[in-house]
Amino acid sequence: MNKMIMVCLFLVVILSGCMNMNSNVPEISEAEAKQIVLGSHTQDIGEVEIISVTTKSNKYIIEWENKENCENGTDSISMKSGVIKMIEASIC
């Protein structure tokens, strides 16, 4: 009886681990994250350019700049929800 319980618990642990493997797949692609940043910072003056994209803690960290408007900064985009948060920004 104890062996049967142990086998069932073992299977539950293994199966739950396999189910969580898909939870690391981002719902927001890198291209979509870039578009979110571009849309957030595009204004009448100049064009926003993406400098770099890195991933950290289920977030895209995106560095951007607008040379004509003398602005630059770094934003984070949640891979799950697409929520944007400004990490830093500066204007000349």
PDB file of N, CA and C in Angstrom:
ATOM      1  N   MET A   1       0.817  -1.199   0.000  1.00  0.00           N
ATOM      2  CA  MET A   1       0.000   0.000   0.000  1.00  0.00           C
ATOM      3  C   MET A   1       0.861   1.264   0.000  1.00  0.00           C
ATOM      4  N   ASN A   2       1.918   1.265   0.853  1.00  0.00           N
ATOM      5  CA  ASN A   2       2.806   2.429   0.904  1.00  0.00           C
ATOM      6  C   ASN A   2       3.539   2.638  -0.414  1.00  0.00           C
ATOM      7  N   LYS A   3       3.908   1.525  -1.065  1.00  0.00           N
ATOM      8  CA  LYS A   3       4.590   1.634  -2.352  1.00  0.00           C
ATOM      9  C   LYS A   3       3.677   2.271  -3.391  1.00  0.00           C
ATOM     10  N   MET A   4       2.409   1.934  -3.351  1.00  0.00           N
ATOM     11  CA  MET A   4       1.438   2.493  -4.300  1.00  0.00           C
ATOM     12  C   MET A   4       1.288   4.000  -4.086  1.00  0.00           C
ATOM     13  N   ILE A   5       1.253   4.436  -2.857  1.00  0.00           N
ATOM     14  CA  ILE A   5       1.142   5.865  -2.553  1.00  0.00           C
ATOM     15  C   ILE A   5       2.395   6.589  -3.021  1.00  0.00           C
ATOM     16  N   MET A   6       3.567   6.002  -2.783  1.00  0.00           N
ATOM     17  CA  MET A   6       4.820   6.619  -3.204  1.00  0.00           C
ATOM     18  C   MET A   6       4.892   6.740  -4.728  1.00  0.00           C
ATOM     19  N   VAL A   7       4.451   5.707  -5.436  1.00  0.00           N
ATOM     20  CA  VAL A   7       4.457   5.737  -6.900  1.00  0.00           C
ATOM     21  C   VAL A   7       3.510   6.824  -7.406  1.00  0.00           C
ATOM     22  N   CYS A   8       2.351   6.941  -6.808  1.00  0.00           N
ATOM     23  CA  CYS A   8       1.383   7.971  -7.214  1.00  0.00           C
ATOM     24  C   CYS A   8       1.944   9.364  -6.961  1.00  0.00           C
ATOM     25  N   LEU A   9       2.558   9.587  -5.814  1.00  0.00           N
ATOM     26  CA  LEU A   9       3.158  10.889  -5.510  1.00  0.00           C
ATOM     27  C   LEU A   9       4.292  11.209  -6.483  1.00  0.00           C
ATOM     28  N   PHE A  10       5.083  10.221  -6.803  1.00  0.00           N
ATOM     29  CA  PHE A  10       6.176  10.401  -7.747  1.00  0.00           C
ATOM     30  C   PHE A  10       5.644  10.823  -9.118  1.00  0.00           C
ATOM     31  N   LEU A  11       4.577  10.164  -9.562  1.00  0.00           N
ATOM     32  CA  LEU A  11       3.982  10.508 -10.858  1.00  0.00           C
ATOM     33  C   LEU A  11       3.397  11.912 -10.850  1.00  0.00           C
ATOM     34  N   VAL A  12       2.773  12.295  -9.758  1.00  0.00           N
ATOM     35  CA  VAL A  12       2.198  13.636  -9.658  1.00  0.00           C
ATOM     36  C   VAL A  12       3.302  14.688  -9.752  1.00  0.00           C
ATOM     37  N   VAL A  13       4.409  14.461  -9.059  1.00  0.00           N
ATOM     38  CA  VAL A  13       5.524  15.410  -9.098  1.00  0.00           C
ATOM     39  C   VAL A  13       6.099  15.500 -10.501  1.00  0.00           C
ATOM     40  N   ILE A  14       6.314  14.386 -11.148  1.00  0.00           N
ATOM     41  CA  ILE A  14       6.875  14.365 -12.499  1.00  0.00           C
ATOM     42  C   ILE A  14       5.934  15.060 -13.477  1.00  0.00           C
ATOM     43  N   LEU A  15       4.656  14.737 -13.422  1.00  0.00           N
ATOM     44  CA  LEU A  15       3.694  15.333 -14.357  1.00  0.00           C
ATOM     45  C   LEU A  15       3.523  16.826 -14.124  1.00  0.00           C
ATOM     46  N   SER A  16       3.526  17.263 -12.881  1.00  0.00           N
ATOM     47  CA  SER A  16       3.382  18.698 -12.629  1.00  0.00           C
ATOM     48  C   SER A  16       4.610  19.453 -13.112  1.00  0.00           C
ATOM     49  N   GLY A  17       5.783  18.849 -13.014  1.00  0.00           N
ATOM     50  CA  GLY A  17       6.994  19.467 -13.546  1.00  0.00           C
ATOM     51  C   GLY A  17       6.944  19.601 -15.052  1.00  0.00           C
ATOM     52  N   CYS A  18       6.424  18.608 -15.733  1.00  0.00           N
ATOM     53  CA  CYS A  18       6.305  18.654 -17.191  1.00  0.00           C
ATOM     54  C   CYS A  18       5.297  19.703 -17.629  1.00  0.00           C
ATOM     55  N   MET A  19       4.252  19.882 -16.871  1.00  0.00           N
ATOM     56  CA  MET A  19       3.232  20.861 -17.229  1.00  0.00           C
ATOM     57  C   MET A  19       3.775  22.273 -17.081  1.00  0.00           C
ATOM     58  N   ASN A  20       4.677  22.503 -16.130  1.00  0.00           N
ATOM     59  CA  ASN A  20       5.224  23.836 -15.910  1.00  0.00           C
ATOM     60  C   ASN A  20       6.288  24.213 -16.924  1.00  0.00           C
ATOM     61  N   MET A  21       6.774  23.273 -17.714  1.00  0.00           N
ATOM     62  CA  MET A  21       7.791  23.586 -18.701  1.00  0.00           C
ATOM     63  C   MET A  21       7.283  24.582 -19.732  1.00  0.00           C
ATOM     64  N   ASN A  22       6.024  24.531 -20.070  1.00  0.00           N
ATOM     65  CA  ASN A  22       5.454  25.449 -21.056  1.00  0.00           C
ATOM     66  C   ASN A  22       5.186  26.827 -20.475  1.00  0.00           C
ATOM     67  N   SER A  23       5.227  26.974 -19.155  1.00  0.00           N
ATOM     68  CA  SER A  23       4.941  28.273 -18.558  1.00  0.00           C
ATOM     69  C   SER A  23       6.075  29.262 -18.794  1.00  0.00           C
ATOM     70  N   ASN A  24       7.265  28.807 -19.212  1.00  0.00           N
ATOM     71  CA  ASN A  24       8.376  29.702 -19.488  1.00  0.00           C
ATOM     72  C   ASN A  24       8.343  30.250 -20.909  1.00  0.00           C
ATOM     73  N   VAL A  25       7.414  29.806 -21.711  1.00  0.00           N
ATOM     74  CA  VAL A  25       7.303  30.290 -23.081  1.00  0.00           C
ATOM     75  C   VAL A  25       6.674  31.689 -23.046  1.00  0.00           C
ATOM     76  N   PRO A  26       7.358  32.677 -23.611  1.00  0.00           N
ATOM     77  CA  PRO A  26       6.806  34.033 -23.559  1.00  0.00           C
ATOM     78  C   PRO A  26       5.544  34.171 -24.400  1.00  0.00           C
ATOM     79  N   GLU A  27       4.601  34.945 -23.878  1.00  0.00           N
ATOM     80  CA  GLU A  27       3.388  35.232 -24.629  1.00  0.00           C
ATOM     81  C   GLU A  27       3.601  36.446 -25.530  1.00  0.00           C
ATOM     82  N   ILE A  28       4.538  37.301 -25.162  1.00  0.00           N
ATOM     83  CA  ILE A  28       4.872  38.473 -25.955  1.00  0.00           C
ATOM     84  C   ILE A  28       6.202  38.190 -26.646  1.00  0.00           C
ATOM     85  N   SER A  29       6.240  38.296 -27.955  1.00  0.00           N
ATOM     86  CA  SER A  29       7.490  38.053 -28.683  1.00  0.00           C
ATOM     87  C   SER A  29       8.405  39.274 -28.567  1.00  0.00           C
ATOM     88  N   GLU A  30       9.649  39.080 -28.936  1.00  0.00           N
ATOM     89  CA  GLU A  30      10.608  40.191 -28.913  1.00  0.00           C
ATOM     90  C   GLU A  30      10.167  41.292 -29.877  1.00  0.00           C
ATOM     91  N   ALA A  31       9.662  40.899 -31.032  1.00  0.00           N
ATOM     92  CA  ALA A  31       9.196  41.892 -32.010  1.00  0.00           C
ATOM     93  C   ALA A  31       8.020  42.699 -31.462  1.00  0.00           C
ATOM     94  N   GLU A  32       7.111  42.026 -30.756  1.00  0.00           N
ATOM     95  CA  GLU A  32       5.975  42.742 -30.161  1.00  0.00           C
ATOM     96  C   GLU A  32       6.451  43.690 -29.061  1.00  0.00           C
ATOM     97  N   ALA A  33       7.440  43.258 -28.281  1.00  0.00           N
ATOM     98  CA  ALA A  33       7.986  44.115 -27.224  1.00  0.00           C
ATOM     99  C   ALA A  33       8.618  45.369 -27.827  1.00  0.00           C
ATOM    100  N   LYS A  34       9.337  45.200 -28.930  1.00  0.00           N
ATOM    101  CA  LYS A  34       9.938  46.352 -29.605  1.00  0.00           C
ATOM    102  C   LYS A  34       8.853  47.320 -30.073  1.00  0.00           C
ATOM    103  N   GLN A  35       7.767  46.792 -30.631  1.00  0.00           N
ATOM    104  CA  GLN A  35       6.676  47.652 -31.106  1.00  0.00           C
ATOM    105  C   GLN A  35       6.017  48.407 -29.948  1.00  0.00           C
ATOM    106  N   ILE A  36       5.914  47.779 -28.795  1.00  0.00           N
ATOM    107  CA  ILE A  36       5.349  48.447 -27.612  1.00  0.00           C
ATOM    108  C   ILE A  36       6.220  49.642 -27.237  1.00  0.00           C
ATOM    109  N   VAL A  37       7.535  49.444 -27.213  1.00  0.00           N
ATOM    110  CA  VAL A  37       8.456  50.537 -26.871  1.00  0.00           C
ATOM    111  C   VAL A  37       8.392  51.638 -27.928  1.00  0.00           C
ATOM    112  N   LEU A  38       8.419  51.260 -29.196  1.00  0.00           N
ATOM    113  CA  LEU A  38       8.346  52.265 -30.261  1.00  0.00           C
ATOM    114  C   LEU A  38       7.066  53.088 -30.159  1.00  0.00           C
ATOM    115  N   GLY A  39       5.946  52.411 -29.912  1.00  0.00           N
ATOM    116  CA  GLY A  39       4.674  53.111 -29.776  1.00  0.00           C
ATOM    117  C   GLY A  39       4.631  54.027 -28.566  1.00  0.00           C
ATOM    118  N   SER A  40       5.291  53.620 -27.515  1.00  0.00           N
ATOM    119  CA  SER A  40       5.287  54.409 -26.283  1.00  0.00           C
ATOM    120  C   SER A  40       6.110  55.681 -26.398  1.00  0.00           C
ATOM    121  N   HIS A  41       7.169  55.661 -27.199  1.00  0.00           N
ATOM    122  CA  HIS A  41       8.084  56.795 -27.245  1.00  0.00           C
ATOM    123  C   HIS A  41       8.044  57.581 -28.547  1.00  0.00           C
ATOM    124  N   THR A  42       7.284  57.151 -29.520  1.00  0.00           N
ATOM    125  CA  THR A  42       7.198  57.875 -30.788  1.00  0.00           C
ATOM    126  C   THR A  42       6.414  59.165 -30.573  1.00  0.00           C
ATOM    127  N   GLN A  43       7.009  60.278 -31.029  1.00  0.00           N
ATOM    128  CA  GLN A  43       6.385  61.595 -30.920  1.00  0.00           C
ATOM    129  C   GLN A  43       6.481  62.294 -32.258  1.00  0.00           C
ATOM    130  N   ASP A  44       6.148  63.576 -32.287  1.00  0.00           N
ATOM    131  CA  ASP A  44       6.185  64.342 -33.532  1.00  0.00           C
ATOM    132  C   ASP A  44       7.601  64.594 -34.022  1.00  0.00           C
ATOM    133  N   ILE A  45       8.561  64.646 -33.110  1.00  0.00           N
ATOM    134  CA  ILE A  45       9.935  64.978 -33.480  1.00  0.00           C
ATOM    135  C   ILE A  45      10.791  63.724 -33.465  1.00  0.00           C
ATOM    136  N   GLY A  46      11.410  63.424 -34.582  1.00  0.00           N
ATOM    137  CA  GLY A  46      12.368  62.335 -34.644  1.00  0.00           C
ATOM    138  C   GLY A  46      11.752  60.951 -34.712  1.00  0.00           C
ATOM    139  N   GLU A  47      12.662  59.975 -34.781  1.00  0.00           N
ATOM    140  CA  GLU A  47      12.262  58.579 -34.879  1.00  0.00           C
ATOM    141  C   GLU A  47      12.971  57.785 -33.783  1.00  0.00           C
ATOM    142  N   VAL A  48      12.226  56.936 -33.092  1.00  0.00           N
ATOM    143  CA  VAL A  48      12.784  56.119 -32.025  1.00  0.00           C
ATOM    144  C   VAL A  48      13.470  54.907 -32.644  1.00  0.00           C
ATOM    145  N   GLU A  49      14.679  54.619 -32.177  1.00  0.00           N
ATOM    146  CA  GLU A  49      15.450  53.489 -32.670  1.00  0.00           C
ATOM    147  C   GLU A  49      15.760  52.559 -31.487  1.00  0.00           C
ATOM    148  N   ILE A  50      15.587  51.257 -31.698  1.00  0.00           N
ATOM    149  CA  ILE A  50      15.922  50.266 -30.680  1.00  0.00           C
ATOM    150  C   ILE A  50      17.428  50.017 -30.751  1.00  0.00           C
ATOM    151  N   ILE A  51      18.111  50.168 -29.624  1.00  0.00           N
ATOM    152  CA  ILE A  51      19.560  49.984 -29.556  1.00  0.00           C
ATOM    153  C   ILE A  51      19.901  48.535 -29.215  1.00  0.00           C
ATOM    154  N   SER A  52      19.230  47.980 -28.202  1.00  0.00           N
ATOM    155  CA  SER A  52      19.518  46.596 -27.808  1.00  0.00           C
ATOM    156  C   SER A  52      18.313  45.996 -27.088  1.00  0.00           C
ATOM    157  N   VAL A  53      18.244  44.669 -27.125  1.00  0.00           N
ATOM    158  CA  VAL A  53      17.206  43.915 -26.431  1.00  0.00           C
ATOM    159  C   VAL A  53      17.886  42.759 -25.702  1.00  0.00           C
ATOM    160  N   THR A  54      17.628  42.658 -24.407  1.00  0.00           N
ATOM    161  CA  THR A  54      18.110  41.529 -23.618  1.00  0.00           C
ATOM    162  C   THR A  54      16.933  40.976 -22.821  1.00  0.00           C
ATOM    163  N   THR A  55      17.080  39.770 -22.311  1.00  0.00           N
ATOM    164  CA  THR A  55      16.034  39.183 -21.478  1.00  0.00           C
ATOM    165  C   THR A  55      16.582  38.956 -20.079  1.00  0.00           C
ATOM    166  N   LYS A  56      15.713  39.200 -19.089  1.00  0.00           N
ATOM    167  CA  LYS A  56      16.096  39.021 -17.694  1.00  0.00           C
ATOM    168  C   LYS A  56      14.826  38.886 -16.865  1.00  0.00           C
ATOM    169  N   SER A  57      14.720  37.819 -16.096  1.00  0.00           N
ATOM    170  CA  SER A  57      13.594  37.613 -15.175  1.00  0.00           C
ATOM    171  C   SER A  57      12.241  37.738 -15.869  1.00  0.00           C
ATOM    172  N   ASN A  58      12.057  37.035 -16.978  1.00  0.00           N
ATOM    173  CA  ASN A  58      10.797  37.042 -17.734  1.00  0.00           C
ATOM    174  C   ASN A  58      10.413  38.436 -18.235  1.00  0.00           C
ATOM    175  N   LYS A  59      11.428  39.249 -18.522  1.00  0.00           N
ATOM    176  CA  LYS A  59      11.198  40.583 -19.067  1.00  0.00           C
ATOM    177  C   LYS A  59      12.181  40.840 -20.195  1.00  0.00           C
ATOM    178  N   TYR A  60      11.728  41.612 -21.164  1.00  0.00           N
ATOM    179  CA  TYR A  60      12.623  42.133 -22.184  1.00  0.00           C
ATOM    180  C   TYR A  60      13.134  43.475 -21.672  1.00  0.00           C
ATOM    181  N   ILE A  61      14.436  43.674 -21.685  1.00  0.00           N
ATOM    182  CA  ILE A  61      15.033  44.958 -21.325  1.00  0.00           C
ATOM    183  C   ILE A  61      15.466  45.601 -22.639  1.00  0.00           C
ATOM    184  N   ILE A  62      14.837  46.731 -22.962  1.00  0.00           N
ATOM    185  CA  ILE A  62      15.028  47.352 -24.274  1.00  0.00           C
ATOM    186  C   ILE A  62      15.605  48.748 -24.106  1.00  0.00           C
ATOM    187  N   GLU A  63      16.779  48.969 -24.724  1.00  0.00           N
ATOM    188  CA  GLU A  63      17.391  50.293 -24.762  1.00  0.00           C
ATOM    189  C   GLU A  63      16.976  50.960 -26.068  1.00  0.00           C
ATOM    190  N   TRP A  64      16.613  52.227 -25.993  1.00  0.00           N
ATOM    191  CA  TRP A  64      16.136  52.956 -27.159  1.00  0.00           C
ATOM    192  C   TRP A  64      16.732  54.359 -27.172  1.00  0.00           C
ATOM    193  N   GLU A  65      16.654  55.007 -28.346  1.00  0.00           N
ATOM    194  CA  GLU A  65      17.060  56.410 -28.433  1.00  0.00           C
ATOM    195  C   GLU A  65      16.329  57.102 -29.580  1.00  0.00           C
ATOM    196  N   ASN A  66      16.183  58.401 -29.421  1.00  0.00           N
ATOM    197  CA  ASN A  66      15.618  59.280 -30.439  1.00  0.00           C
ATOM    198  C   ASN A  66      16.623  60.416 -30.611  1.00  0.00           C
ATOM    199  N   LYS A  67      17.487  60.305 -31.608  1.00  0.00           N
ATOM    200  CA  LYS A  67      18.575  61.279 -31.795  1.00  0.00           C
ATOM    201  C   LYS A  67      18.050  62.672 -32.090  1.00  0.00           C
ATOM    202  N   GLU A  68      17.026  62.780 -32.931  1.00  0.00           N
ATOM    203  CA  GLU A  68      16.499  64.087 -33.312  1.00  0.00           C
ATOM    204  C   GLU A  68      15.879  64.834 -32.137  1.00  0.00           C
ATOM    205  N   ASN A  69      15.310  64.101 -31.191  1.00  0.00           N
ATOM    206  CA  ASN A  69      14.666  64.701 -30.030  1.00  0.00           C
ATOM    207  C   ASN A  69      15.608  64.689 -28.818  1.00  0.00           C
ATOM    208  N   CYS A  70      16.808  64.128 -29.004  1.00  0.00           N
ATOM    209  CA  CYS A  70      17.833  64.066 -27.963  1.00  0.00           C
ATOM    210  C   CYS A  70      17.324  63.330 -26.706  1.00  0.00           C
ATOM    211  N   GLU A  71      16.662  62.198 -26.932  1.00  0.00           N
ATOM    212  CA  GLU A  71      16.156  61.377 -25.830  1.00  0.00           C
ATOM    213  C   GLU A  71      16.738  59.974 -25.938  1.00  0.00           C
ATOM    214  N   ASN A  72      16.884  59.314 -24.787  1.00  0.00           N
ATOM    215  CA  ASN A  72      17.230  57.898 -24.770  1.00  0.00           C
ATOM    216  C   ASN A  72      16.787  57.310 -23.445  1.00  0.00           C
ATOM    217  N   GLY A  73      16.744  55.980 -23.398  1.00  0.00           N
ATOM    218  CA  GLY A  73      16.318  55.350 -22.160  1.00  0.00           C
ATOM    219  C   GLY A  73      16.285  53.842 -22.253  1.00  0.00           C
ATOM    220  N   THR A  74      15.817  53.258 -21.169  1.00  0.00           N
ATOM    221  CA  THR A  74      15.689  51.809 -21.056  1.00  0.00           C
ATOM    222  C   THR A  74      14.331  51.489 -20.462  1.00  0.00           C
ATOM    223  N   ASP A  75      13.626  50.562 -21.097  1.00  0.00           N
ATOM    224  CA  ASP A  75      12.318  50.112 -20.616  1.00  0.00           C
ATOM    225  C   ASP A  75      12.344  48.609 -20.397  1.00  0.00           C
ATOM    226  N   SER A  76      11.453  48.129 -19.541  1.00  0.00           N
ATOM    227  CA  SER A  76      11.262  46.685 -19.403  1.00  0.00           C
ATOM    228  C   SER A  76       9.843  46.351 -19.848  1.00  0.00           C
ATOM    229  N   ILE A  77       9.718  45.216 -20.529  1.00  0.00           N
ATOM    230  CA  ILE A  77       8.428  44.733 -21.013  1.00  0.00           C
ATOM    231  C   ILE A  77       8.225  43.333 -20.449  1.00  0.00           C
ATOM    232  N   SER A  78       7.121  43.112 -19.768  1.00  0.00           N
ATOM    233  CA  SER A  78       6.805  41.783 -19.244  1.00  0.00           C
ATOM    234  C   SER A  78       6.547  40.823 -20.395  1.00  0.00           C
ATOM    235  N   MET A  79       7.205  39.661 -20.360  1.00  0.00           N
ATOM    236  CA  MET A  79       6.999  38.653 -21.409  1.00  0.00           C
ATOM    237  C   MET A  79       5.601  38.051 -21.340  1.00  0.00           C
ATOM    238  N   LYS A  80       4.987  38.091 -20.186  1.00  0.00           N
ATOM    239  CA  LYS A  80       3.664  37.482 -20.010  1.00  0.00           C
ATOM    240  C   LYS A  80       2.536  38.443 -20.381  1.00  0.00           C
ATOM    241  N   SER A  81       2.637  39.696 -19.919  1.00  0.00           N
ATOM    242  CA  SER A  81       1.505  40.611 -20.083  1.00  0.00           C
ATOM    243  C   SER A  81       1.744  41.740 -21.073  1.00  0.00           C
ATOM    244  N   GLY A  82       3.011  42.021 -21.392  1.00  0.00           N
ATOM    245  CA  GLY A  82       3.307  43.138 -22.277  1.00  0.00           C
ATOM    246  C   GLY A  82       3.299  44.488 -21.590  1.00  0.00           C
ATOM    247  N   VAL A  83       3.238  44.501 -20.260  1.00  0.00           N
ATOM    248  CA  VAL A  83       3.230  45.756 -19.510  1.00  0.00           C
ATOM    249  C   VAL A  83       4.606  46.403 -19.608  1.00  0.00           C
ATOM    250  N   ILE A  84       4.608  47.689 -19.935  1.00  0.00           N
ATOM    251  CA  ILE A  84       5.862  48.431 -20.079  1.00  0.00           C
ATOM    252  C   ILE A  84       6.139  49.219 -18.806  1.00  0.00           C
ATOM    253  N   LYS A  85       7.417  49.213 -18.380  1.00  0.00           N
ATOM    254  CA  LYS A  85       7.852  50.032 -17.255  1.00  0.00           C
ATOM    255  C   LYS A  85       9.141  50.730 -17.654  1.00  0.00           C
ATOM    256  N   MET A  86       9.194  52.015 -17.409  1.00  0.00           N
ATOM    257  CA  MET A  86      10.389  52.783 -17.736  1.00  0.00           C
ATOM    258  C   MET A  86      11.425  52.551 -16.625  1.00  0.00           C
ATOM    259  N   ILE A  87      12.607  52.118 -17.006  1.00  0.00           N
ATOM    260  CA  ILE A  87      13.693  51.929 -16.047  1.00  0.00           C
ATOM    261  C   ILE A  87      14.453  53.253 -15.895  1.00  0.00           C
ATOM    262  N   GLU A  88      14.793  53.848 -17.046  1.00  0.00           N
ATOM    263  CA  GLU A  88      15.431  55.163 -17.009  1.00  0.00           C
ATOM    264  C   GLU A  88      15.209  55.848 -18.352  1.00  0.00           C
ATOM    265  N   ALA A  89      15.276  57.171 -18.308  1.00  0.00           N
ATOM    266  CA  ALA A  89      15.157  57.964 -19.535  1.00  0.00           C
ATOM    267  C   ALA A  89      15.864  59.285 -19.304  1.00  0.00           C
ATOM    268  N   SER A  90      16.425  59.846 -20.362  1.00  0.00           N
ATOM    269  CA  SER A  90      17.088  61.137 -20.234  1.00  0.00           C
ATOM    270  C   SER A  90      16.846  61.951 -21.496  1.00  0.00           C
ATOM    271  N   ILE A  91      16.858  63.255 -21.312  1.00  0.00           N
ATOM    272  CA  ILE A  91      16.725  64.218 -22.402  1.00  0.00           C
ATOM    273  C   ILE A  91      17.923  65.158 -22.300  1.00  0.00           C
ATOM    274  N   CYS A  92      18.590  65.377 -23.425  1.00  0.00           N
ATOM    275  CA  CYS A  92      19.801  66.242 -23.427  1.00  0.00           C
ATOM    276  C   CYS A  92      19.502  67.618 -22.911  1.00  0.00           C
TER     277      CYS A  92
END
